[in-house]
C-alpha atoms as a PDB file:
ATOM      1  CA  MET A   1       0.465   0.301   0.110  1.00  0.00           C
ATOM      2  CA  ILE A   2       1.301   3.649  -0.940  1.00  0.00           C
ATOM      3  CA  GLU A   3       2.109   5.513   2.554  1.00  0.00           C
ATOM      4  CA  LEU A   4      -0.320   8.583   2.970  1.00  0.00           C
ATOM      5  CA  PRO A   5       1.213  12.335   3.340  1.00  0.00           C
ATOM      6  CA  VAL A   6       0.186  14.052   6.477  1.00  0.00           C
ATOM      7  CA  LEU A   7      -1.789  16.843   5.657  1.00  0.00           C
ATOM      8  CA  ASN A   8      -1.691  20.197   6.513  1.00  0.00           C
ATOM      9  CA  ARG A   9      -4.143  21.504   4.193  1.00  0.00           C
ATOM     10  CA  VAL A  10      -8.042  21.057   3.985  1.00  0.00           C
ATOM     11  CA  CYS A  11      -9.990  20.731   0.996  1.00  0.00           C
ATOM     12  CA  GLY A  12     -12.139  23.711   1.973  1.00  0.00           C
ATOM     13  CA  ASP A  13     -14.916  24.611  -0.917  1.00  0.00           C
ATOM     14  CA  CYS A  14     -13.183  22.739  -3.606  1.00  0.00           C
ATOM     15  CA  GLN A  15     -15.361  19.976  -4.872  1.00  0.00           C
ATOM     16  CA  ALA A  16     -12.925  19.320  -7.805  1.00  0.00           C
ATOM     17  CA  CYS A  17     -11.934  15.495  -7.298  1.00  0.00           C
ATOM     18  CA  CYS A  18     -15.943  14.782  -6.606  1.00  0.00           C
ATOM     19  CA  GLU A  19     -15.959  15.490 -10.648  1.00  0.00           C
ATOM     20  CA  TRP A  20     -12.715  14.107 -11.598  1.00  0.00           C
ATOM     21  CA  VAL A  21     -11.923  11.096  -9.553  1.00  0.00           C
ATOM     22  CA  ALA A  22     -12.936   7.567 -10.881  1.00  0.00           C
ATOM     23  CA  VAL A  23     -14.845   5.805  -8.331  1.00  0.00           C
ATOM     24  CA  ARG A  24     -14.326   2.094  -8.748  1.00  0.00           C
ATOM     25  CA  GLU A  25     -17.305   1.526  -5.726  1.00  0.00           C
ATOM     26  CA  PHE A  26     -19.795   3.408  -7.381  1.00  0.00           C
ATOM     27  CA  MET A  27     -18.881   2.760 -11.004  1.00  0.00           C
ATOM     28  CA  LYS A  28     -17.776   6.579 -11.546  1.00  0.00           C
ATOM     29  CA  PRO A  29     -15.835   7.436 -13.946  1.00  0.00           C
ATOM     30  CA  GLU A  30     -13.459   9.894 -14.590  1.00  0.00           C
ATOM     31  CA  ARG A  31     -14.790  13.309 -15.260  1.00  0.00           C
ATOM     32  CA  GLU A  32     -18.361  12.948 -14.250  1.00  0.00           C
ATOM     33  CA  LYS A  33     -19.984  14.198 -11.445  1.00  0.00           C
ATOM     34  CA  CYS A  34     -20.400  11.716  -8.563  1.00  0.00           C
ATOM     35  CA  LYS A  35     -24.159  11.282  -7.837  1.00  0.00           C
ATOM     36  CA  HIS A  36     -23.199  11.921  -3.908  1.00  0.00           C
ATOM     37  CA  GLN A  37     -21.587  15.647  -4.550  1.00  0.00           C
ATOM     38  CA  CYS A  38     -24.512  18.233  -3.027  1.00  0.00           C
ATOM     39  CA  ALA A  39     -23.704  21.920  -2.387  1.00  0.00           C
ATOM     40  CA  ASN A  40     -22.125  21.434   0.851  1.00  0.00           C
ATOM     41  CA  GLY A  41     -19.919  18.657  -0.553  1.00  0.00           C
ATOM     42  CA  CYS A  42     -20.062  15.090  -0.157  1.00  0.00           C
ATOM     43  CA  SER A  43     -23.719  13.573   0.888  1.00  0.00           C
ATOM     44  CA  ILE A  44     -22.213  10.634   2.179  1.00  0.00           C
ATOM     45  CA  TYR A  45     -18.984  12.005   3.809  1.00  0.00           C
ATOM     46  CA  GLU A  46     -18.927  10.239   6.753  1.00  0.00           C
ATOM     47  CA  SER A  47     -19.531   6.892   5.378  1.00  0.00           C
ATOM     48  CA  ARG A  48     -17.627   7.387   1.742  1.00  0.00           C
ATOM     49  CA  PRO A  49     -15.428   4.468   0.565  1.00  0.00           C
ATOM     50  CA  ASN A  50     -12.275   4.338   1.426  1.00  0.00           C
ATOM     51  CA  GLU A  51     -10.820   5.085  -2.265  1.00  0.00           C
ATOM     52  CA  CYS A  52     -12.324   8.753  -1.781  1.00  0.00           C
ATOM     53  CA  LYS A  53     -11.010   9.347   2.212  1.00  0.00           C
ATOM     54  CA  GLN A  54      -7.023   8.552   0.607  1.00  0.00           C
ATOM     55  CA  TYR A  55      -7.359   9.985  -2.300  1.00  0.00           C
ATOM     56  CA  HIS A  56      -5.314  13.108  -2.390  1.00  0.00           C
ATOM     57  CA  CYS A  57      -4.855  15.918  -5.351  1.00  0.00           C
ATOM     58  CA  SER A  58      -1.818  17.131  -5.617  1.00  0.00           C
ATOM     59  CA  TRP A  59      -2.823  20.559  -4.191  1.00  0.00           C
ATOM     60  CA  LEU A  60      -3.519  18.686  -0.684  1.00  0.00           C
ATOM     61  CA  ALA A  61      -0.286  16.679  -1.107  1.00  0.00           C
ATOM     62  CA  TYR A  62       2.233  18.499  -2.617  1.00  0.00           C
ATOM     63  CA  GLU A  63       2.075  22.035  -0.664  1.00  0.00           C
ATOM     64  CA  GLU A  64       5.746  22.417  -0.230  1.00  0.00           C
ATOM     65  CA  TYR A  65       5.354  23.311  -3.830  1.00  0.00           C
ATOM     66  CA  ILE A  66       2.278  24.250  -4.984  1.00  0.00           C
ATOM     67  CA  PRO A  67       0.893  27.317  -3.612  1.00  0.00           C
ATOM     68  CA  LEU A  68      -2.083  27.952  -1.193  1.00  0.00           C
ATOM     69  CA  SER A  69      -3.224  29.728  -4.287  1.00  0.00           C
ATOM     70  CA  PHE A  70      -3.598  27.045  -7.165  1.00  0.00           C
ATOM     71  CA  ARG A  71      -6.352  25.235  -5.251  1.00  0.00           C
ATOM     72  CA  PRO A  72      -8.201  23.238  -8.282  1.00  0.00           C
ATOM     73  CA  ASP A  73     -11.603  25.305  -7.894  1.00  0.00           C
ATOM     74  CA  VAL A  74      -9.814  29.142  -8.183  1.00  0.00           C
ATOM     75  CA  THR A  75      -7.171  27.909 -10.727  1.00  0.00           C
ATOM     76  CA  GLY A  76      -9.749  25.332 -13.059  1.00  0.00           C
ATOM     77  CA  LEU A  77      -6.594  23.123 -12.949  1.00  0.00           C
ATOM     78  CA  PHE A  78      -6.971  19.335 -11.563  1.00  0.00           C
ATOM     79  CA  MET A  79      -3.604  18.039 -10.206  1.00  0.00           C
ATOM     80  CA  GLU A  80      -3.005  14.636  -9.658  1.00  0.00           C
ATOM     81  CA  SER A  81       0.903  13.259  -9.118  1.00  0.00           C
ATOM     82  CA  ILE A  82       3.520  10.220  -9.743  1.00  0.00           C
ATOM     83  CA  GLU A  83       6.433  10.073  -8.025  1.00  0.00           C
ATOM     84  CA  LEU A  84       9.252   8.197  -9.750  1.00  0.00           C
ATOM     85  CA  HIS A  85      11.791   6.206  -7.688  1.00  0.00           C
ATOM     86  CA  ALA A  86      15.073   4.705  -8.266  1.00  0.00           C
ATOM     87  CA  LEU A  87      15.486   0.951  -7.348  1.00  0.00           C
ATOM     88  CA  ASN A  88      17.400   1.976  -3.976  1.00  0.00           C
ATOM     89  CA  GLY A  89      13.790   4.289  -3.245  1.00  0.00           C
ATOM     90  CA  GLU A  90      15.280   7.562  -4.141  1.00  0.00           C
ATOM     91  CA  ARG A  91      12.939   9.879  -5.435  1.00  0.00           C
ATOM     92  CA  LEU A  92      13.929  10.841  -9.390  1.00  0.00           C
ATOM     93  CA  LEU A  93      10.768  12.953 -10.266  1.00  0.00           C
ATOM     94  CA  VAL A  94       7.307  13.636  -9.591  1.00  0.00           C
ATOM     95  CA  LEU A  95       5.444  14.093 -12.408  1.00  0.00           C
ATOM     96  CA  THR A  96       2.312  16.213 -11.937  1.00  0.00           C
ATOM     97  CA  MET A  97      -0.558  16.235 -14.769  1.00  0.00           C
ATOM     98  CA  ALA A  98      -2.738  19.415 -14.917  1.00  0.00           C
ATOM     99  CA  TRP A  99      -6.032  19.173 -16.458  1.00  0.00           C
ATOM    100  CA  GLU A 100      -7.971  22.597 -16.990  1.00  0.00           C
ATOM    101  CA  MET A 101     -11.424  22.384 -15.619  1.00  0.00           C
ATOM    102  CA  LYS A 102     -12.534  25.079 -17.778  1.00  0.00           C
ATOM    103  CA  PRO A 103     -10.919  26.772 -21.183  1.00  0.00           C
ATOM    104  CA  ASN A 104      -7.240  28.820 -20.606  1.00  0.00           C
ATOM    105  CA  ALA A 105      -7.161  27.682 -17.350  1.00  0.00           C
ATOM    106  CA  MET A 106      -3.026  27.443 -17.548  1.00  0.00           C
ATOM    107  CA  PHE A 107      -3.507  31.140 -19.305  1.00  0.00           C
ATOM    108  CA  ASP A 108      -5.808  32.855 -17.149  1.00  0.00           C
ATOM    109  CA  ILE A 109      -3.056  31.603 -14.267  1.00  0.00           C
ATOM    110  CA  GLY A 110      -0.135  32.672 -16.166  1.00  0.00           C
ATOM    111  CA  LEU A 111       2.496  30.382 -17.752  1.00  0.00           C
ATOM    112  CA  LYS A 112       4.707  32.151 -15.871  1.00  0.00           C
ATOM    113  CA  GLU A 113       2.850  30.782 -12.801  1.00  0.00           C
ATOM    114  CA  LEU A 114       2.982  27.650 -13.575  1.00  0.00           C
ATOM    115  CA  ASN A 115       6.214  27.710 -14.677  1.00  0.00           C
ATOM    116  CA  LYS A 116       7.257  28.630 -10.706  1.00  0.00           C
ATOM    117  CA  LEU A 117       5.858  25.371  -9.890  1.00  0.00           C
ATOM    118  CA  ILE A 118       8.582  23.416 -11.975  1.00  0.00           C
ATOM    119  CA  VAL A 119      11.591  23.497  -9.823  1.00  0.00           C
ATOM    120  CA  PRO A 120      14.646  20.163 -10.375  1.00  0.00           C
ATOM    121  CA  GLY A 121      12.534  17.027  -9.340  1.00  0.00           C
ATOM    122  CA  HIS A 122       9.393  18.341 -10.562  1.00  0.00           C
ATOM    123  CA  ALA A 123       7.628  17.823 -13.466  1.00  0.00           C
ATOM    124  CA  MET A 124       4.082  19.011 -14.959  1.00  0.00           C
ATOM    125  CA  LEU A 125       2.064  17.755 -18.085  1.00  0.00           C
ATOM    126  CA  VAL A 126      -0.938  20.393 -18.573  1.00  0.00           C
ATOM    127  CA  PHE A 127      -3.573  18.887 -20.829  1.00  0.00           C
ATOM    128  CA  GLN A 128      -5.916  21.611 -22.367  1.00  0.00           C
ATOM    129  CA  TYR A 129      -9.365  22.017 -21.597  1.00  0.00           C
ATOM    130  CA  GLY A 130     -11.511  19.250 -24.314  1.00  0.00           C
ATOM    131  CA  SER A 131      -8.371  17.687 -25.154  1.00  0.00           C
ATOM    132  CA  VAL A 132      -9.530  14.344 -23.073  1.00  0.00           C
ATOM    133  CA  SER A 133     -11.836  12.036 -25.449  1.00  0.00           C
ATOM    134  CA  GLU A 134     -12.865   8.775 -24.626  1.00  0.00           C
ATOM    135  CA  GLN A 135     -10.086   7.537 -27.279  1.00  0.00           C
ATOM    136  CA  ALA A 136      -6.981   8.768 -26.221  1.00  0.00           C
ATOM    137  CA  LEU A 137      -5.541  12.018 -24.880  1.00  0.00           C
ATOM    138  CA  SER A 138      -4.318  14.696 -26.646  1.00  0.00           C
ATOM    139  CA  THR A 139      -0.575  15.793 -26.672  1.00  0.00           C
ATOM    140  CA  PRO A 140       0.477  17.503 -23.568  1.00  0.00           C
ATOM    141  CA  VAL A 141       1.827  20.703 -22.973  1.00  0.00           C
ATOM    142  CA  PRO A 142       5.375  19.401 -20.944  1.00  0.00           C
ATOM    143  CA  MET A 143       7.126  21.746 -18.425  1.00  0.00           C
ATOM    144  CA  PHE A 144      10.380  20.511 -16.888  1.00  0.00           C
ATOM    145  CA  ALA A 145      13.291  22.228 -15.141  1.00  0.00           C
ATOM    146  CA  ASN A 146      16.214  20.712 -16.337  1.00  0.00           C
ATOM    147  CA  GLU A 147      17.416  17.836 -19.075  1.00  0.00           C
ATOM    148  CA  GLU A 148      17.627  15.274 -16.348  1.00  0.00           C
ATOM    149  CA  ASP A 149      14.062  16.010 -15.133  1.00  0.00           C
ATOM    150  CA  ALA A 150      13.336  15.794 -18.777  1.00  0.00           C
ATOM    151  CA  GLN A 151      14.738  12.184 -19.213  1.00  0.00           C
ATOM    152  CA  HIS A 152      13.416  10.773 -15.990  1.00  0.00           C
ATOM    153  CA  GLY A 153       9.659  11.799 -17.695  1.00  0.00           C
ATOM    154  CA  ALA A 154      10.267  10.303 -20.546  1.00  0.00           C
ATOM    155  CA  ASP A 155      11.361   6.745 -19.140  1.00  0.00           C
ATOM    156  CA  LEU A 156       8.339   7.753 -16.577  1.00  0.00           C
ATOM    157  CA  MET A 157       6.371   7.551 -20.165  1.00  0.00           C
ATOM    158  CA  GLN A 158       8.041   4.843 -21.362  1.00  0.00           C
ATOM    159  CA  LYS A 159       7.175   2.365 -18.610  1.00  0.00           C
ATOM    160  CA  LEU A 160       3.981   3.510 -17.974  1.00  0.00           C
ATOM    161  CA  ASN A 161       3.479   2.276 -22.445  1.00  0.00           C
ATOM    162  CA  ASP A 162       4.124  -1.240 -21.273  1.00  0.00           C
ATOM    163  CA  PRO A 163       1.289  -2.958 -20.145  1.00  0.00           C
ATOM    164  CA  THR A 164       3.301  -5.599 -17.721  1.00  0.00           C
ATOM    165  CA  THR A 165       5.081  -2.384 -15.508  1.00  0.00           C
ATOM    166  CA  LYS A 166       4.106  -2.460 -12.004  1.00  0.00           C
ATOM    167  CA  ILE A 167       2.240   0.757 -10.519  1.00  0.00           C
ATOM    168  CA  GLY A 168       1.170   1.669  -6.964  1.00  0.00           C
ATOM    169  CA  THR A 169      -2.544   2.427  -6.686  1.00  0.00           C
ATOM    170  CA  MET A 170      -4.026   3.012  -3.768  1.00  0.00           C
ATOM    171  CA  ASP A 171      -5.688  -0.406  -3.345  1.00  0.00           C
ATOM    172  CA  GLY A 172      -2.352  -1.833  -3.574  1.00  0.00           C
ATOM    173  CA  GLU A 173      -0.053  -2.669  -6.902  1.00  0.00           C
ATOM    174  CA  HIS A 174      -1.282  -3.607 -10.009  1.00  0.00           C
ATOM    175  CA  THR A 175      -0.147  -3.289 -13.833  1.00  0.00           C
ATOM    176  CA  VAL A 176      -0.881  -0.862 -15.970  1.00  0.00           C
ATOM    177  CA  GLU A 177      -3.216  -3.984 -18.304  1.00  0.00           C
ATOM    178  CA  GLU A 178      -4.929  -4.026 -15.125  1.00  0.00           C
ATOM    179  CA  ALA A 179      -5.359  -0.453 -13.965  1.00  0.00           C
ATOM    180  CA  MET A 180      -6.739   0.525 -18.034  1.00  0.00           C
ATOM    181  CA  ARG A 181      -8.931  -2.460 -17.995  1.00  0.00           C
ATOM    182  CA  TRP A 182     -10.922  -1.739 -14.853  1.00  0.00           C
ATOM    183  CA  THR A 183     -11.242   1.843 -16.645  1.00  0.00           C
ATOM    184  CA  ASP A 184     -12.333   0.642 -19.899  1.00  0.00           C
ATOM    185  CA  ASP A 185     -15.055  -1.714 -17.410  1.00  0.00           C
ATOM    186  CA  LEU A 186     -15.981   2.225 -16.283  1.00  0.00           C
ATOM    187  CA  PRO A 187     -19.619   3.417 -17.973  1.00  0.00           C
ATOM    188  CA  ARG A 188     -19.182   6.348 -20.362  1.00  0.00           C
END
């Protein structure tokens, strides 16, 4: 199991994950409003599934480099991160994927502000609004601090394209193929 970070931030009024994150227990696909989402947050908050309890967007989990002002409902950018580690456990790269939840969110924030998030050891892929289809993602805008990080990012993408690669999730370790098969089973 993945060790969850100690969080100092709270979601507040943000409900972005209620729409952007798939929930296996409800067969809720990504980018679809949860049937339990209401004006005050989650109508079943106290009894919500473990995968909801354990989920942390990058804004919550990486407060050491994502500013408070980047909360998803404020910026219109929903961010999730993957950590790439060497065999000895050393963290090589944190790759953050940011999806625009509204048109031109990355330009509203300003590329200069987004570039401040790209420090050594961190990289970002920004997916523009409307670029996600049922079949594939459009080419994201890559942002790396240096060549070494760009190479780590390329290595990670190569590994994620191999269906036998093992990836850690909130409910254990799975192959990329298993994770994709589960995603394919969700209603669209």
